[in-house]
Amino acid sequence: MINLAKQLYYKEKYYKLISLKIIMKRGKKNCRGIKGQVWIETVMYTLIAFAIMGLVLAYARPKIEALQDKAIIEQSILMLKDIDSTLLTMGGAGNQRVIEISIKKGDLKIDGVQDKIVFEIESMLEYSQPDKTISSGNVDILTKKSGKFNTITLTRDFFGDYDLTNTERDETRTISKSPVSYTLKISDKGTFTRVTAQTCPLGVSECSGMNPALYTPECTGTPTLLCQYTSKRPTIDFKLI
């Protein structure tokens, strides 16, 4: 009887141990399943977050760029006005001024042929009503549409006031965008007189080789009278240094 009781006791203990192992294995499997589910959910939420961020950036980026371009355009208007003010306060022939200019986007053109300074930028921003010139002080502003982009042109025309040159030449210089500022030297060269080979035996009325709006003709010289022209506008020279 004693032996039978021992056998029953050990069998019961054995079955309890087997049951406990089975429960532990099932628990491990459930833990693995929970961990796997958590990992999948984490990946899904991350992908959803990236998708939302992409949509937000796709919508916000053009708006941000438009605001940045607007700031650049308004800074460039101030730059043209500063150049204008510098020329007005030069003080006469022989004087010079040195200024810093910043071009973060777009191009600045100093046109020595047509005597004007132009800033041009391409942007998605519609800065002003297309094809209609508006003014901010002495600066003319024109927006022209080209597909989904706009070309905004700022112009300060000096034709009636100054004869612009680049390094003492009647040519156009383009200053492009740069991460650093440019140093520009502006020099007042004064007016000049040009003597031509055109004769004027009957007087100054024969001197018609130069634009009378820009030059004052004279008939001078001995023994042969020659046409001489004096510019009405001071020559302003620009030079990058």
Protein backbone atom coordinates (compact mmCIF):
# COMPACT_ATOMS: atom_id res chain seq x y z
CA MET A 1 0.00 0.00 0.00
CA ILE A 2 2.83 2.32 0.89
CA ASN A 3 4.53 1.68 -2.47
CA LEU A 4 1.28 2.33 -4.34
CA ALA A 5 0.79 5.63 -2.51
CA LYS A 6 4.34 6.71 -3.42
CA GLN A 7 3.78 5.85 -7.07
CA LEU A 8 0.55 7.86 -7.16
CA TYR A 9 2.32 10.80 -5.44
CA TYR A 10 5.20 10.82 -7.95
CA LYS A 11 2.84 10.47 -10.93
CA GLU A 12 0.78 13.44 -9.72
CA LYS A 13 3.95 15.47 -9.26
CA TYR A 14 5.14 14.48 -12.75
CA TYR A 15 1.85 15.50 -14.39
CA LYS A 16 1.89 18.84 -12.55
CA LEU A 17 5.42 19.48 -13.83
CA ILE A 18 4.41 18.63 -17.40
CA SER A 19 1.37 20.93 -17.15
CA LEU A 20 3.55 23.75 -15.83
CA LYS A 21 5.99 23.37 -18.77
CA ILE A 22 3.12 23.44 -21.25
CA ILE A 23 1.71 26.61 -19.64
CA MET A 24 5.16 28.26 -19.73
CA LYS A 25 5.63 27.42 -23.44
CA ARG A 26 2.22 28.86 -24.27
CA GLY A 27 3.11 31.99 -22.29
CA LYS A 28 6.33 32.45 -24.25
CA LYS A 29 4.47 32.06 -27.53
CA ASN A 30 1.91 34.65 -26.42
CA CYS A 31 4.72 37.08 -25.43
CA ARG A 32 6.35 36.63 -28.79
CA GLY A 33 3.04 37.29 -30.49
CA ILE A 34 2.47 40.47 -28.47
CA LYS A 35 6.00 41.70 -29.19
CA GLY A 36 5.53 41.02 -32.91
CA GLN A 37 2.19 42.84 -32.92
CA VAL A 38 3.72 45.86 -31.13
CA TRP A 39 6.60 45.99 -33.66
CA ILE A 40 4.19 45.86 -36.63
CA GLU A 41 2.03 48.60 -35.13
CA THR A 42 5.11 50.77 -34.51
CA VAL A 43 6.22 50.42 -38.15
CA MET A 44 2.71 51.21 -39.39
CA TYR A 45 2.43 54.34 -37.23
CA THR A 46 5.88 55.48 -38.36
CA LEU A 47 4.94 55.07 -42.03
CA ILE A 48 1.68 56.95 -41.48
CA ALA A 49 3.61 59.76 -39.75
CA PHE A 50 6.06 59.99 -42.67
CA ALA A 51 3.18 60.06 -45.16
CA ILE A 52 1.49 62.90 -43.25
CA MET A 53 4.79 64.82 -43.05
CA GLY A 54 5.27 64.38 -46.80
CA LEU A 55 1.80 65.76 -47.52
CA VAL A 56 2.37 68.73 -45.20
CA LEU A 57 5.75 69.51 -46.81
CA ALA A 58 4.33 69.17 -50.33
CA TYR A 59 1.72 71.79 -49.45
CA ALA A 60 3.87 74.05 -47.25
CA ARG A 61 7.10 74.13 -49.25
CA PRO A 62 5.80 76.28 -52.16
CA LYS A 63 4.25 78.66 -49.61
CA ILE A 64 7.54 78.94 -47.72
CA GLU A 65 9.52 79.51 -50.95
CA ALA A 66 7.02 82.18 -52.04
CA LEU A 67 7.48 84.01 -48.72
CA GLN A 68 11.26 83.79 -49.08
CA ASP A 69 11.09 85.14 -52.65
CA LYS A 70 8.84 87.99 -51.54
CA ALA A 71 11.42 88.97 -48.92
CA ILE A 72 14.22 88.82 -51.55
CA ILE A 73 12.21 91.02 -53.96
CA GLU A 74 11.51 93.63 -51.30
CA GLN A 75 15.18 93.63 -50.22
CA SER A 76 16.17 94.09 -53.88
CA ILE A 77 13.82 97.07 -54.25
CA LEU A 78 15.57 98.63 -51.25
CA MET A 79 18.96 97.81 -52.82
CA LEU A 80 18.04 99.68 -56.05
CA LYS A 81 16.79 102.61 -53.99
CA ASP A 82 20.04 102.61 -52.00
CA ILE A 83 22.07 102.75 -55.25
CA ASP A 84 19.83 105.59 -56.45
CA SER A 85 20.36 107.48 -53.19
CA THR A 86 24.12 106.88 -53.40
CA LEU A 87 24.28 108.45 -56.87
CA LEU A 88 22.28 111.47 -55.73
CA THR A 89 24.70 112.12 -52.86
CA MET A 90 27.98 111.46 -54.71
CA GLY A 91 28.91 115.14 -54.56
CA GLY A 92 30.30 115.63 -58.05
CA ALA A 93 33.07 114.49 -60.35
CA GLY A 94 35.96 112.59 -58.78
CA ASN A 95 33.99 111.25 -55.82
CA GLN A 96 33.59 107.56 -55.07
CA ARG A 97 31.41 105.36 -52.91
CA VAL A 98 31.83 101.72 -51.89
CA ILE A 99 28.71 99.69 -51.07
CA GLU A 100 27.90 96.06 -50.23
CA ILE A 101 25.20 94.28 -52.22
CA SER A 102 23.70 90.87 -51.52
CA ILE A 103 22.22 88.62 -54.24
CA LYS A 104 20.66 85.52 -52.63
CA LYS A 105 18.58 84.62 -55.68
CA GLY A 106 18.11 86.09 -59.16
CA ASP A 107 20.42 88.32 -61.20
CA LEU A 108 21.39 91.99 -61.02
CA LYS A 109 22.26 93.59 -64.37
CA ILE A 110 24.08 96.90 -64.67
CA ASP A 111 23.27 97.89 -68.25
CA GLY A 112 25.81 100.40 -69.57
CA VAL A 113 24.22 100.35 -73.02
CA GLN A 114 20.70 101.41 -72.03
CA ASP A 115 21.82 103.11 -68.78
CA LYS A 116 19.66 101.18 -66.33
CA ILE A 117 20.00 98.71 -63.47
CA VAL A 118 17.73 95.65 -63.53
CA PHE A 119 17.08 92.91 -60.99
CA GLU A 120 15.31 89.78 -62.25
CA ILE A 121 14.06 86.74 -60.37
CA GLU A 122 11.99 83.68 -61.34
CA SER A 123 9.47 82.55 -58.75
CA MET A 124 6.13 80.82 -58.23
CA LEU A 125 5.11 84.01 -56.43
CA GLU A 126 2.84 86.39 -58.33
CA TYR A 127 4.31 89.53 -56.79
CA SER A 128 2.11 91.98 -58.72
CA GLN A 129 -0.59 91.94 -61.38
CA PRO A 130 0.89 90.23 -64.46
CA ASP A 131 1.84 92.41 -67.45
CA LYS A 132 1.15 95.64 -65.57
CA THR A 133 4.04 97.87 -64.52
CA ILE A 134 3.76 99.38 -61.06
CA SER A 135 6.21 101.66 -59.27
CA SER A 136 7.83 101.83 -55.87
CA GLY A 137 9.51 105.22 -55.84
CA ASN A 138 11.80 105.31 -58.89
CA VAL A 139 11.79 101.50 -59.24
CA ASP A 140 9.49 99.96 -61.86
CA ILE A 141 8.10 96.50 -61.06
CA LEU A 142 6.79 94.09 -63.69
CA THR A 143 5.51 90.53 -63.27
CA LYS A 144 5.28 88.29 -66.34
CA LYS A 145 3.78 84.81 -66.22
CA SER A 146 5.61 81.89 -67.81
CA GLY A 147 3.82 78.59 -67.20
CA LYS A 148 3.56 77.96 -63.47
CA PHE A 149 6.40 80.40 -62.79
CA ASN A 150 6.57 84.18 -62.83
CA THR A 151 9.44 86.43 -63.85
CA ILE A 152 9.59 89.51 -61.64
CA THR A 153 11.68 92.39 -63.03
CA LEU A 154 12.74 95.45 -61.04
CA THR A 155 14.12 98.34 -63.10
CA ARG A 156 15.72 101.66 -62.20
CA ASP A 157 16.17 103.61 -65.43
CA PHE A 158 18.97 106.21 -65.26
CA PHE A 159 18.98 107.13 -68.96
CA GLY A 160 17.85 110.72 -68.43
CA ASP A 161 20.18 111.33 -65.46
CA TYR A 162 23.44 109.42 -65.84
CA ASP A 163 25.64 107.67 -68.38
CA LEU A 164 26.36 104.30 -66.77
CA THR A 165 29.54 102.33 -67.50
CA ASN A 166 31.07 99.09 -66.25
CA THR A 167 34.80 99.40 -65.60
CA GLU A 168 34.71 102.47 -67.90
CA ARG A 169 33.05 100.58 -70.75
CA ASP A 170 29.55 100.87 -72.21
CA GLU A 171 28.65 97.24 -71.62
CA THR A 172 26.31 95.11 -69.51
CA ARG A 173 27.54 93.27 -66.43
CA THR A 174 25.45 90.53 -64.78
CA ILE A 175 25.93 89.86 -61.06
CA SER A 176 24.53 86.45 -60.11
CA LYS A 177 23.50 84.97 -56.78
CA SER A 178 26.22 84.30 -54.24
CA PRO A 179 26.38 83.12 -50.60
CA VAL A 180 28.61 86.12 -49.84
CA SER A 181 28.07 89.82 -50.47
CA TYR A 182 29.63 91.73 -53.36
CA THR A 183 31.62 94.93 -52.92
CA LEU A 184 30.77 97.52 -55.56
CA LYS A 185 32.75 100.71 -56.16
CA ILE A 186 30.78 103.57 -57.71
CA SER A 187 32.73 106.47 -59.23
CA ASP A 188 31.50 109.81 -60.58
CA LYS A 189 33.62 110.49 -63.67
CA GLY A 190 31.89 113.78 -64.42
CA THR A 191 30.91 114.95 -67.90
CA PHE A 192 33.14 114.67 -70.96
CA THR A 193 33.72 116.50 -74.20
CA ARG A 194 34.17 114.75 -77.52
CA VAL A 195 35.65 116.48 -80.57
CA THR A 196 34.66 114.94 -83.89
CA ALA A 197 35.99 115.21 -87.42
CA GLN A 198 32.71 116.72 -88.55
CA THR A 199 33.26 120.28 -89.86
CA CYS A 200 30.87 123.13 -89.23
CA PRO A 201 31.87 126.07 -91.43
CA LEU A 202 28.37 127.51 -91.24
CA GLY A 203 28.04 127.18 -87.48
CA VAL A 204 26.73 124.89 -84.77
CA SER A 205 23.55 124.13 -86.72
CA GLU A 206 25.62 121.68 -88.78
CA CYS A 207 26.52 119.65 -85.70
CA SER A 208 23.86 116.94 -85.58
CA GLY A 209 25.87 113.77 -85.11
CA MET A 210 24.98 113.23 -81.43
CA ASN A 211 21.65 113.08 -79.58
CA PRO A 212 20.84 116.69 -78.60
CA ALA A 213 18.95 115.43 -75.55
CA LEU A 214 22.18 113.98 -74.18
CA TYR A 215 24.91 116.22 -75.64
CA THR A 216 25.42 119.95 -76.11
CA PRO A 217 26.95 120.68 -79.56
CA GLU A 218 29.54 123.39 -80.17
CA CYS A 219 31.41 124.54 -83.25
CA THR A 220 35.00 125.31 -82.32
CA GLY A 221 38.62 125.15 -83.44
CA THR A 222 41.08 126.95 -85.68
CA PRO A 223 41.71 127.15 -88.50
CA THR A 224 39.07 124.47 -89.21
CA LEU A 225 35.81 124.60 -87.30
CA LEU A 226 34.87 121.19 -85.92
CA CYS A 227 31.82 119.89 -84.10
CA GLN A 228 32.42 119.33 -80.40
CA TYR A 229 29.92 117.60 -78.09
CA THR A 230 29.74 117.91 -74.30
CA SER A 231 27.68 115.36 -72.40
CA LYS A 232 24.81 116.69 -70.34
CA ARG A 233 24.90 113.67 -67.99
CA PRO A 234 27.71 112.74 -65.60
CA THR A 235 29.26 109.34 -66.23
CA ILE A 236 28.86 106.90 -63.34
CA ASP A 237 31.22 103.93 -63.38
CA PHE A 238 30.58 100.64 -61.55
CA LYS A 239 33.33 98.21 -60.63
CA LEU A 240 33.33 95.03 -58.55
CA ILE A 241 36.27 94.96 -56.13
